[in-house]
C-alpha atoms as a PDB file:
ATOM      1  CA  MET A   1       0.122   0.277  -0.063  1.00  0.00           C
ATOM      2  CA  HIS A   2       2.774   2.205   0.772  1.00  0.00           C
ATOM      3  CA  THR A   3       4.217   1.712  -2.890  1.00  0.00           C
ATOM      4  CA  ILE A   4       0.617   2.379  -4.386  1.00  0.00           C
ATOM      5  CA  CYS A   5       0.147   5.471  -2.579  1.00  0.00           C
ATOM      6  CA  GLU A   6       3.893   6.693  -3.341  1.00  0.00           C
ATOM      7  CA  PHE A   7       2.938   5.986  -7.103  1.00  0.00           C
ATOM      8  CA  LEU A   8      -0.248   7.671  -6.757  1.00  0.00           C
ATOM      9  CA  ASN A   9       1.237  10.597  -5.045  1.00  0.00           C
ATOM     10  CA  LEU A  10      -1.315   9.920  -2.222  1.00  0.00           C
ATOM     11  CA  GLU A  11      -0.831  10.163   1.626  1.00  0.00           C
ATOM     12  CA  PHE A  12      -0.457   7.091   3.369  1.00  0.00           C
ATOM     13  CA  ASP A  13      -3.404   6.017   5.859  1.00  0.00           C
ATOM     14  CA  PRO A  14      -2.882   3.090   8.063  1.00  0.00           C
ATOM     15  CA  GLU A  15      -6.590   2.295   7.592  1.00  0.00           C
ATOM     16  CA  MET A  16      -5.748   1.595   4.034  1.00  0.00           C
ATOM     17  CA  LEU A  17      -3.988  -1.768   5.253  1.00  0.00           C
ATOM     18  CA  GLN A  18      -7.368  -2.577   6.926  1.00  0.00           C
ATOM     19  CA  PRO A  19     -10.058  -2.309   4.050  1.00  0.00           C
ATOM     20  CA  TYR A  20     -12.482  -4.877   5.164  1.00  0.00           C
ATOM     21  CA  GLU A  21     -12.764  -3.532   8.897  1.00  0.00           C
ATOM     22  CA  LYS A  22     -15.844  -1.106   9.839  1.00  0.00           C
ATOM     23  CA  GLN A  23     -17.630  -2.866   7.076  1.00  0.00           C
ATOM     24  CA  SER A  24     -20.857  -1.270   8.186  1.00  0.00           C
ATOM     25  CA  GLU A  25     -19.441   2.237   7.410  1.00  0.00           C
ATOM     26  CA  LYS A  26     -18.754   1.428   3.580  1.00  0.00           C
ATOM     27  CA  MET A  27     -20.625   2.198   0.853  1.00  0.00           C
ATOM     28  CA  THR A  28     -21.231  -1.181  -0.554  1.00  0.00           C
ATOM     29  CA  ASP A  29     -24.748  -1.176  -1.136  1.00  0.00           C
ATOM     30  CA  GLY A  30     -27.130   0.115  -3.790  1.00  0.00           C
ATOM     31  CA  ILE A  31     -28.183   3.532  -3.330  1.00  0.00           C
ATOM     32  CA  HIS A  32     -31.880   1.879  -2.650  1.00  0.00           C
ATOM     33  CA  ALA A  33     -32.632  -0.657  -0.385  1.00  0.00           C
ATOM     34  CA  GLU A  34     -33.552  -3.061  -3.006  1.00  0.00           C
ATOM     35  CA  THR A  35     -30.884  -2.550  -5.323  1.00  0.00           C
ATOM     36  CA  ARG A  36     -27.514  -4.534  -5.258  1.00  0.00           C
ATOM     37  CA  MET A  37     -24.090  -3.610  -4.444  1.00  0.00           C
ATOM     38  CA  ILE A  38     -21.667  -2.452  -7.466  1.00  0.00           C
ATOM     39  CA  GLY A  39     -18.422  -3.950  -7.478  1.00  0.00           C
ATOM     40  CA  ASP A  40     -16.864  -6.961  -5.742  1.00  0.00           C
ATOM     41  CA  ILE A  41     -20.117  -8.942  -4.476  1.00  0.00           C
ATOM     42  CA  GLY A  42     -17.686 -11.189  -2.038  1.00  0.00           C
ATOM     43  CA  PHE A  43     -16.485  -7.797  -0.267  1.00  0.00           C
ATOM     44  CA  HIS A  44     -17.982  -8.874   2.830  1.00  0.00           C
ATOM     45  CA  GLU A  45     -16.454 -12.492   2.815  1.00  0.00           C
ATOM     46  CA  HIS A  46     -13.003 -10.961   2.499  1.00  0.00           C
ATOM     47  CA  ARG A  47     -11.007 -10.598   5.907  1.00  0.00           C
ATOM     48  CA  ASP A  48      -7.461  -9.115   4.712  1.00  0.00           C
ATOM     49  CA  ILE A  49      -5.642  -8.098   1.525  1.00  0.00           C
ATOM     50  CA  ASP A  50      -4.607 -11.113  -0.599  1.00  0.00           C
ATOM     51  CA  PRO A  51      -1.276  -9.833  -2.280  1.00  0.00           C
ATOM     52  CA  SER A  52      -1.617 -12.895  -4.851  1.00  0.00           C
ATOM     53  CA  VAL A  53      -4.369 -11.374  -6.386  1.00  0.00           C
ATOM     54  CA  ALA A  54      -2.350  -8.488  -7.977  1.00  0.00           C
ATOM     55  CA  ASP A  55      -0.768 -11.202 -10.252  1.00  0.00           C
ATOM     56  CA  ARG A  56      -3.768 -13.289 -10.871  1.00  0.00           C
ATOM     57  CA  TRP A  57      -4.174 -11.748 -14.450  1.00  0.00           C
ATOM     58  CA  LYS A  58      -0.778 -13.245 -15.261  1.00  0.00           C
ATOM     59  CA  GLN A  59      -2.564 -16.687 -15.414  1.00  0.00           C
ATOM     60  CA  HIS A  60      -4.859 -15.722 -18.045  1.00  0.00           C
ATOM     61  CA  GLN A  61      -4.003 -15.577 -21.726  1.00  0.00           C
ATOM     62  CA  LEU A  62      -4.934 -12.465 -23.518  1.00  0.00           C
ATOM     63  CA  ALA A  63      -7.548 -12.387 -25.871  1.00  0.00           C
ATOM     64  CA  ARG A  64      -5.508 -10.382 -28.413  1.00  0.00           C
ATOM     65  CA  ASP A  65      -1.951  -8.858 -28.368  1.00  0.00           C
ATOM     66  CA  LEU A  66      -1.424  -5.581 -26.857  1.00  0.00           C
ATOM     67  CA  ASN A  67      -0.453  -2.869 -29.054  1.00  0.00           C
ATOM     68  CA  THR A  68       3.185  -1.225 -29.221  1.00  0.00           C
ATOM     69  CA  THR A  69       2.156   2.001 -27.256  1.00  0.00           C
ATOM     70  CA  THR A  70       0.520  -0.349 -24.507  1.00  0.00           C
ATOM     71  CA  TRP A  71       3.651  -2.351 -24.249  1.00  0.00           C
ATOM     72  CA  GLY A  72       5.710   0.756 -24.377  1.00  0.00           C
ATOM     73  CA  LEU A  73       3.779   2.015 -21.170  1.00  0.00           C
ATOM     74  CA  ALA A  74       4.048  -1.644 -19.452  1.00  0.00           C
ATOM     75  CA  GLN A  75       7.672  -1.509 -19.983  1.00  0.00           C
ATOM     76  CA  ALA A  76       8.170   2.031 -18.567  1.00  0.00           C
ATOM     77  CA  LEU A  77       6.147   0.737 -15.570  1.00  0.00           C
ATOM     78  CA  GLY A  78       8.593  -2.356 -15.169  1.00  0.00           C
ATOM     79  CA  TYR A  79       6.714  -5.048 -16.851  1.00  0.00           C
ATOM     80  CA  ALA A  80       8.509  -7.234 -19.102  1.00  0.00           C
ATOM     81  CA  ALA A  81       7.208  -7.521 -22.765  1.00  0.00           C
ATOM     82  CA  PRO A  82       6.739 -11.569 -23.590  1.00  0.00           C
END
């Protein structure tokens, strides 16, 4: 989280390490009682940040190749081209 905050030029807050605490204070429901939440429907089942999720995308083959501009940006961010 420190690295993400630094990258986004945001001030780090220790509560960022506990995103699933105080769930009743999070805006996770729809705007009306009968509407469903938008986003992670399993949010209330999570307890901790799972760092393995950050690399889960690497397990899937891309539907199509990325263009050279996109790969240039990815490499600038530290990702290696295949």
